[in-house]
Amino acid sequence: MSDYYDAFEVSPVPDPAVDAVPPEVFRGIYGMPMFVTIPTPDLAASADFWVHGLGFIDLFSIPGQVTHLRRWAFQDVLLVPATSEVTSAPATGVSFACVLSEVDRIIEACEAQQPGCTEGPTHTPWNTVDVEVVTPEKARVIFTAAKPLDPASQEARDLAAVGITAPKS
């Protein structure tokens, strides 16, 4: 028996491709293996930014207590009332997978909601395109889209140097 389990079949993230299509928003109920809780001084304003800027849905809300947001399966955020005012963005943040075709839309939508809140797109050494967003409640959110790996690229050589290679087609 192997300790290795190929879990790609349970992941909603599509294979890296220029024309990758994002999965639909997942509206089902499941035991959340991971979620992030974001305190906010204004639940309604924060939910509006996450929905209209970041592309989440309001899965359900309990007024004044919690707003459960969701994007793809396993991309869950709970907005809860803040107990004190947050004045600066945290040093750490949360990252969500996206596809390349979503990057520009996320930047445009977030900038329309809150000018100056985005940084990027940034091309990373690990072969992704990232956009960083600082939300109204000062959460640092990174959307990361995998690029198809060009076997002749510097990224492919860097990844191969640490033992990561592209699968054979």
C-alpha atoms as a PDB file:
ATOM      1  CA  MET A   1       0.000   0.000   0.000  1.00  0.00           C
ATOM      2  CA  SER A   2       1.255   3.464  -0.863  1.00  0.00           C
ATOM      3  CA  ASP A   3       1.099   6.571   1.316  1.00  0.00           C
ATOM      4  CA  TYR A   4       0.839   8.631  -1.864  1.00  0.00           C
ATOM      5  CA  TYR A   5      -2.668   9.596  -2.921  1.00  0.00           C
ATOM      6  CA  ASP A   6      -3.202  11.485  -6.173  1.00  0.00           C
ATOM      7  CA  ALA A   7      -5.910  13.933  -5.107  1.00  0.00           C
ATOM      8  CA  PHE A   8      -6.186  15.858  -8.356  1.00  0.00           C
ATOM      9  CA  GLU A   9      -9.591  14.324  -9.049  1.00  0.00           C
ATOM     10  CA  VAL A  10     -11.081  16.079  -5.992  1.00  0.00           C
ATOM     11  CA  SER A  11      -9.540  19.459  -6.782  1.00  0.00           C
ATOM     12  CA  PRO A  12     -11.623  22.008  -8.689  1.00  0.00           C
ATOM     13  CA  VAL A  13      -8.466  23.632 -10.094  1.00  0.00           C
ATOM     14  CA  PRO A  14      -8.143  23.013 -13.855  1.00  0.00           C
ATOM     15  CA  ASP A  15      -4.866  22.008 -15.489  1.00  0.00           C
ATOM     16  CA  PRO A  16      -2.665  25.013 -16.336  1.00  0.00           C
ATOM     17  CA  ALA A  17      -3.537  26.351 -19.783  1.00  0.00           C
ATOM     18  CA  VAL A  18      -3.891  29.735 -21.427  1.00  0.00           C
ATOM     19  CA  ASP A  19      -7.516  28.875 -22.216  1.00  0.00           C
ATOM     20  CA  ALA A  20      -8.318  27.115 -18.906  1.00  0.00           C
ATOM     21  CA  VAL A  21     -11.945  27.569 -17.890  1.00  0.00           C
ATOM     22  CA  PRO A  22     -12.696  28.242 -14.229  1.00  0.00           C
ATOM     23  CA  PRO A  23     -15.091  25.837 -12.531  1.00  0.00           C
ATOM     24  CA  GLU A  24     -18.548  27.012 -11.554  1.00  0.00           C
ATOM     25  CA  VAL A  25     -19.107  28.473  -8.118  1.00  0.00           C
ATOM     26  CA  PHE A  26     -19.805  25.530  -5.818  1.00  0.00           C
ATOM     27  CA  ARG A  27     -23.080  25.877  -3.902  1.00  0.00           C
ATOM     28  CA  GLY A  28     -23.108  22.477  -2.189  1.00  0.00           C
ATOM     29  CA  ILE A  29     -22.586  21.845   1.503  1.00  0.00           C
ATOM     30  CA  TYR A  30     -19.526  19.904   2.687  1.00  0.00           C
ATOM     31  CA  GLY A  31     -17.261  19.604   5.694  1.00  0.00           C
ATOM     32  CA  MET A  32     -14.803  22.437   5.040  1.00  0.00           C
ATOM     33  CA  PRO A  33     -11.218  21.108   5.137  1.00  0.00           C
ATOM     34  CA  MET A  34      -9.942  24.686   5.349  1.00  0.00           C
ATOM     35  CA  PHE A  35     -11.436  28.160   5.522  1.00  0.00           C
ATOM     36  CA  VAL A  36     -10.346  31.640   6.473  1.00  0.00           C
ATOM     37  CA  THR A  37     -12.119  33.897   8.964  1.00  0.00           C
ATOM     38  CA  ILE A  38     -11.889  37.636   8.259  1.00  0.00           C
ATOM     39  CA  PRO A  39     -12.972  40.145  10.931  1.00  0.00           C
ATOM     40  CA  THR A  40     -14.626  43.251   9.477  1.00  0.00           C
ATOM     41  CA  PRO A  41     -16.132  46.419  10.931  1.00  0.00           C
ATOM     42  CA  ASP A  42     -18.851  46.368   8.218  1.00  0.00           C
ATOM     43  CA  LEU A  43     -20.194  42.948   7.170  1.00  0.00           C
ATOM     44  CA  ALA A  44     -22.344  44.311   4.345  1.00  0.00           C
ATOM     45  CA  ALA A  45     -19.595  46.475   2.783  1.00  0.00           C
ATOM     46  CA  SER A  46     -17.050  43.672   3.028  1.00  0.00           C
ATOM     47  CA  ALA A  47     -19.443  41.123   1.531  1.00  0.00           C
ATOM     48  CA  ASP A  48     -20.161  43.534  -1.331  1.00  0.00           C
ATOM     49  CA  PHE A  49     -16.419  43.842  -2.108  1.00  0.00           C
ATOM     50  CA  TRP A  50     -15.807  40.081  -1.915  1.00  0.00           C
ATOM     51  CA  VAL A  51     -18.816  39.379  -4.162  1.00  0.00           C
ATOM     52  CA  HIS A  52     -18.424  42.142  -6.752  1.00  0.00           C
ATOM     53  CA  GLY A  53     -14.630  42.476  -6.650  1.00  0.00           C
ATOM     54  CA  LEU A  54     -13.300  39.004  -5.913  1.00  0.00           C
ATOM     55  CA  GLY A  55     -16.073  36.912  -7.480  1.00  0.00           C
ATOM     56  CA  PHE A  56     -17.366  35.085  -4.399  1.00  0.00           C
ATOM     57  CA  ILE A  57     -21.024  34.371  -3.661  1.00  0.00           C
ATOM     58  CA  ASP A  58     -22.853  34.910  -0.387  1.00  0.00           C
ATOM     59  CA  LEU A  59     -23.555  31.254   0.399  1.00  0.00           C
ATOM     60  CA  PHE A  60     -25.508  32.296   3.483  1.00  0.00           C
ATOM     61  CA  SER A  61     -25.569  35.036   6.081  1.00  0.00           C
ATOM     62  CA  ILE A  62     -26.721  35.361   9.665  1.00  0.00           C
ATOM     63  CA  PRO A  63     -27.284  39.126   9.948  1.00  0.00           C
ATOM     64  CA  GLY A  64     -24.804  40.829  12.228  1.00  0.00           C
ATOM     65  CA  GLN A  65     -22.974  37.554  12.967  1.00  0.00           C
ATOM     66  CA  VAL A  66     -21.439  35.894   9.907  1.00  0.00           C
ATOM     67  CA  THR A  67     -21.411  35.937   6.127  1.00  0.00           C
ATOM     68  CA  HIS A  68     -20.223  32.682   4.549  1.00  0.00           C
ATOM     69  CA  LEU A  69     -18.656  33.393   1.157  1.00  0.00           C
ATOM     70  CA  ARG A  70     -17.658  30.821  -1.422  1.00  0.00           C
ATOM     71  CA  ARG A  71     -16.033  30.755  -4.839  1.00  0.00           C
ATOM     72  CA  TRP A  72     -14.872  27.358  -6.081  1.00  0.00           C
ATOM     73  CA  ALA A  73     -15.199  24.234  -3.951  1.00  0.00           C
ATOM     74  CA  PHE A  74     -12.893  24.507  -0.927  1.00  0.00           C
ATOM     75  CA  GLN A  75     -12.555  28.307  -1.301  1.00  0.00           C
ATOM     76  CA  ASP A  76     -14.547  29.415   1.738  1.00  0.00           C
ATOM     77  CA  VAL A  77     -14.349  32.691   3.671  1.00  0.00           C
ATOM     78  CA  LEU A  78     -16.259  33.603   6.813  1.00  0.00           C
ATOM     79  CA  LEU A  79     -16.709  37.336   7.402  1.00  0.00           C
ATOM     80  CA  VAL A  80     -17.350  38.054  11.077  1.00  0.00           C
ATOM     81  CA  PRO A  81     -17.752  41.274  13.054  1.00  0.00           C
ATOM     82  CA  ALA A  82     -14.431  42.807  14.111  1.00  0.00           C
ATOM     83  CA  THR A  83     -13.882  43.446  17.794  1.00  0.00           C
ATOM     84  CA  SER A  84     -11.502  46.340  17.033  1.00  0.00           C
ATOM     85  CA  GLU A  85     -10.566  48.525  14.059  1.00  0.00           C
ATOM     86  CA  VAL A  86      -7.903  47.071  11.746  1.00  0.00           C
ATOM     87  CA  THR A  87      -5.598  49.823  10.466  1.00  0.00           C
ATOM     88  CA  SER A  88      -2.991  47.979   8.398  1.00  0.00           C
ATOM     89  CA  ALA A  89      -2.831  44.971   6.110  1.00  0.00           C
ATOM     90  CA  PRO A  90      -1.500  41.798   7.743  1.00  0.00           C
ATOM     91  CA  ALA A  91       1.973  40.549   6.827  1.00  0.00           C
ATOM     92  CA  THR A  92       0.480  37.170   5.921  1.00  0.00           C
ATOM     93  CA  GLY A  93      -2.481  36.516   3.730  1.00  0.00           C
ATOM     94  CA  VAL A  94      -4.552  33.897   2.025  1.00  0.00           C
ATOM     95  CA  SER A  95      -4.187  32.635  -1.544  1.00  0.00           C
ATOM     96  CA  PHE A  96      -6.897  31.372  -3.858  1.00  0.00           C
ATOM     97  CA  ALA A  97      -6.397  29.550  -7.150  1.00  0.00           C
ATOM     98  CA  CYS A  98      -7.787  31.139 -10.270  1.00  0.00           C
ATOM     99  CA  VAL A  99      -7.209  30.749 -14.006  1.00  0.00           C
ATOM    100  CA  LEU A 100      -5.321  33.130 -16.281  1.00  0.00           C
ATOM    101  CA  SER A 101      -8.481  34.530 -17.869  1.00  0.00           C
ATOM    102  CA  GLU A 102      -9.696  35.725 -14.443  1.00  0.00           C
ATOM    103  CA  VAL A 103      -6.642  37.804 -13.475  1.00  0.00           C
ATOM    104  CA  ASP A 104      -7.512  40.971 -15.421  1.00  0.00           C
ATOM    105  CA  ARG A 105     -11.190  40.760 -14.425  1.00  0.00           C
ATOM    106  CA  ILE A 106     -10.263  40.515 -10.738  1.00  0.00           C
ATOM    107  CA  ILE A 107      -7.975  43.550 -11.012  1.00  0.00           C
ATOM    108  CA  GLU A 108     -10.579  45.619 -12.893  1.00  0.00           C
ATOM    109  CA  ALA A 109     -13.449  44.662 -10.577  1.00  0.00           C
ATOM    110  CA  CYS A 110     -11.465  45.294  -7.391  1.00  0.00           C
ATOM    111  CA  GLU A 111     -10.082  48.604  -8.642  1.00  0.00           C
ATOM    112  CA  ALA A 112     -13.635  49.701  -9.527  1.00  0.00           C
ATOM    113  CA  GLN A 113     -14.698  48.904  -5.946  1.00  0.00           C
ATOM    114  CA  GLN A 114     -11.631  50.319  -4.163  1.00  0.00           C
ATOM    115  CA  PRO A 115      -9.038  52.153  -6.298  1.00  0.00           C
ATOM    116  CA  GLY A 116      -5.433  51.286  -5.443  1.00  0.00           C
ATOM    117  CA  CYS A 117      -6.223  47.991  -3.712  1.00  0.00           C
ATOM    118  CA  THR A 118      -4.406  45.704  -6.179  1.00  0.00           C
ATOM    119  CA  GLU A 119      -0.796  44.943  -6.971  1.00  0.00           C
ATOM    120  CA  GLY A 120       0.221  42.978 -10.038  1.00  0.00           C
ATOM    121  CA  PRO A 121      -0.119  40.948 -12.079  1.00  0.00           C
ATOM    122  CA  THR A 122       3.211  39.464 -11.035  1.00  0.00           C
ATOM    123  CA  HIS A 123       4.903  36.553 -12.819  1.00  0.00           C
ATOM    124  CA  THR A 124       6.443  34.269 -10.192  1.00  0.00           C
ATOM    125  CA  PRO A 125       9.481  31.958 -10.359  1.00  0.00           C
ATOM    126  CA  TRP A 126       7.134  29.017  -9.591  1.00  0.00           C
ATOM    127  CA  ASN A 127       5.267  29.591 -12.882  1.00  0.00           C
ATOM    128  CA  THR A 128       2.145  31.467 -11.804  1.00  0.00           C
ATOM    129  CA  VAL A 129       0.626  34.870 -12.407  1.00  0.00           C
ATOM    130  CA  ASP A 130      -0.449  36.452  -9.122  1.00  0.00           C
ATOM    131  CA  VAL A 131      -2.495  39.486  -8.184  1.00  0.00           C
ATOM    132  CA  GLU A 132      -2.512  40.769  -4.619  1.00  0.00           C
ATOM    133  CA  VAL A 133      -5.585  42.526  -3.270  1.00  0.00           C
ATOM    134  CA  VAL A 134      -5.920  44.345   0.038  1.00  0.00           C
ATOM    135  CA  THR A 135      -9.605  44.191   0.928  1.00  0.00           C
ATOM    136  CA  PRO A 136     -11.577  46.897   2.785  1.00  0.00           C
ATOM    137  CA  GLU A 137     -11.046  45.025   6.059  1.00  0.00           C
ATOM    138  CA  LYS A 138      -7.286  44.968   5.300  1.00  0.00           C
ATOM    139  CA  ALA A 139      -7.018  41.270   4.480  1.00  0.00           C
ATOM    140  CA  ARG A 140      -4.192  40.420   2.076  1.00  0.00           C
ATOM    141  CA  VAL A 141      -5.677  38.152  -0.619  1.00  0.00           C
ATOM    142  CA  ILE A 142      -3.630  36.668  -3.451  1.00  0.00           C
ATOM    143  CA  PHE A 143      -5.201  35.151  -6.539  1.00  0.00           C
ATOM    144  CA  THR A 144      -2.757  32.823  -8.266  1.00  0.00           C
ATOM    145  CA  ALA A 145      -3.136  31.385 -11.766  1.00  0.00           C
ATOM    146  CA  ALA A 146      -0.856  28.569 -12.949  1.00  0.00           C
ATOM    147  CA  LYS A 147       0.742  29.096 -16.344  1.00  0.00           C
ATOM    148  CA  PRO A 148       1.337  26.243 -18.762  1.00  0.00           C
ATOM    149  CA  LEU A 149       4.944  25.158 -18.288  1.00  0.00           C
ATOM    150  CA  ASP A 150       7.197  25.743 -21.281  1.00  0.00           C
ATOM    151  CA  PRO A 151       9.858  23.002 -20.991  1.00  0.00           C
ATOM    152  CA  ALA A 152      12.486  25.408 -22.406  1.00  0.00           C
ATOM    153  CA  SER A 153      11.714  28.224 -19.931  1.00  0.00           C
ATOM    154  CA  GLN A 154      13.795  29.401 -16.988  1.00  0.00           C
ATOM    155  CA  GLU A 155      10.864  28.465 -14.710  1.00  0.00           C
ATOM    156  CA  ALA A 156      11.027  24.857 -15.976  1.00  0.00           C
ATOM    157  CA  ARG A 157      14.782  24.731 -15.372  1.00  0.00           C
ATOM    158  CA  ASP A 158      14.378  26.227 -11.874  1.00  0.00           C
ATOM    159  CA  LEU A 159      11.627  23.753 -10.980  1.00  0.00           C
ATOM    160  CA  ALA A 160      13.610  20.818 -12.435  1.00  0.00           C
ATOM    161  CA  ALA A 161      16.583  21.843 -10.275  1.00  0.00           C
ATOM    162  CA  VAL A 162      14.478  21.086  -7.175  1.00  0.00           C
ATOM    163  CA  GLY A 163      13.017  17.878  -8.591  1.00  0.00           C
ATOM    164  CA  ILE A 164       9.735  19.161 -10.046  1.00  0.00           C
ATOM    165  CA  THR A 165       9.110  18.311 -13.683  1.00  0.00           C
ATOM    166  CA  ALA A 166       6.163  18.762 -15.988  1.00  0.00           C
ATOM    167  CA  PRO A 167       4.135  15.634 -16.644  1.00  0.00           C
ATOM    168  CA  LYS A 168       4.696  13.981 -20.017  1.00  0.00           C
ATOM    169  CA  SER A 169       1.826  14.645 -22.416  1.00  0.00           C
END
